[in-house]
């Protein structure tokens, strides 16, 4: 890879201007230059303002056009797809409080068992799904096919007359959905740089909050307008409508998902864009995706890195209690069914705003762990208040809402993983699959033990468990940070200009050349170029 950093010298007064971009020469086509935004460049006022809102606006034209192309196709589709996934995953909770419990006589642990069987399916498919994707199966084929499968089985729940039938369907839905979150996390990490990835991963995962909001509004609307229509209960209409919405989104995935930069066949990426994408990743030191091998699979688990990451990635999720908010509301006996579905959506909105603000600050400061640490404190505070319990209802309402503000914690951890595991691309996918497997293995029994339905809404052990899990995450953040730094030093890695660990290259050739160029104001002058030629 050949890179050059320009310093433009003005003809009239000999002054210099800060570089706005640097070049990367394509080794396969020496005549081709890829222009990138220089991370140390001086931004204009307009770039600073709009770039703080969305990073693409703070880039130089060529890179801005490329990133916006990715945003339009890949990122937009990932958001829509994940909204559909969460909509189909969580609609069971809205249906339960909207007539399902009475119609099917579900007065035991059935509500928790619906989650348990879903988690069992998710647990079964999470790691194998990532092995398939990283071993060579195209994600652009695999993920949409899974979406079609779960859309069909979601609609089948509308016809169920017993909890037992729903258990089987929930298992299959979980199995089909298991590859979506880790799959998209790895795909996004393969296309976006550290200054771009945090907010996108956060908004991607926070689309779950949008889905939960939609689920509440959809169920409230269906209950008011469709309950009893054609002899079908409103809660059954929820599953039918969700399945119908999911199908066209699944079909769109065959065209929108681009796989990886070095394997993509996406219609919206021309050969030049593919080379540009690979140069962008190579420039920050992120390795290209290669098919997973048995040796790679075993080697990745020979260090503490994946285990510590799994703890930090899942600890707060183990103690999540936002899903029980509507049960507390129902216990007050002063809210209607539509209100039970819509009030918790205020928490989803809090999570969405928190995710954008905190993840954007993480990208701007080029740091992950302090913001993960801070986000974890919100659900910890809520869990402490609910553990006390003998507090006014207004305080309990605050405690339930503030828990949603911790939403950025997990997505920022995922973004962090793309950076600390950037040395082997296949590792990133397997680690996410492994973390998801542990998450759903724990989630299969945690609700039954710590949040049993008969104890609703006062889950005394549950809120104490939440405190323990959030405190554990705070501790592991510090331990993981220390271990990553120690491992970098032990392996002889260096930190590049993007703050990422890379293997130092030997045999670099440094040359200085001069040629006529234009500066950012359109004035011509002699450009002094420092060209570093490094082995690929």
Foldseek 3Di string as FASTA:
>chain_A
DKKKAWWFAFPPPRDTAHTQWIWDADPVHRVDIDIWGDPPHDFDPQLVVVCLQPVLSNIPDVVSVLVVLCCVFPLVLLLVQLLLLLLLLPLLLLLCLLCPCVQLVPDFQLSLLLLLLLLLLLLVALLVLLLCLQQDNFCLPLLLVLLLQLLVLLLVVLVDNYSVVSSVSSSSNSNSCNHSLLVSLLQLLQQDDLLRQLLSLLLSLLSSLVSLQVSLQQLLVLQVPPACPVHGGSSSVSSNVSSVVRNVSSVSSNQRRQRHLVDGPHPSADPVSSSNRVCVCVVQAFDGRDRDDPVNVVVLPPDCQLVLLLLLQALLVLLDDLSQVLLQVVVVVPDDSSCSSNVSSLLSVLLNVLSNVLSSVCSVVVHQLVSLLVLLVQLLVLLVQLLVVPDDVVSNVSSSSSNSSSSSNNSSSSSVLSQLVRNHSSSSSSSSSVSSSVNSVSSSCSCVPQPTPVPPPRRNSSSVSSNVSSVSSNVSSVVSVVVSVVVLVVVVWDQDPSRGTHHDFPDKDWDWDWDWDAGPVRRIGIMIMIMIDTDD
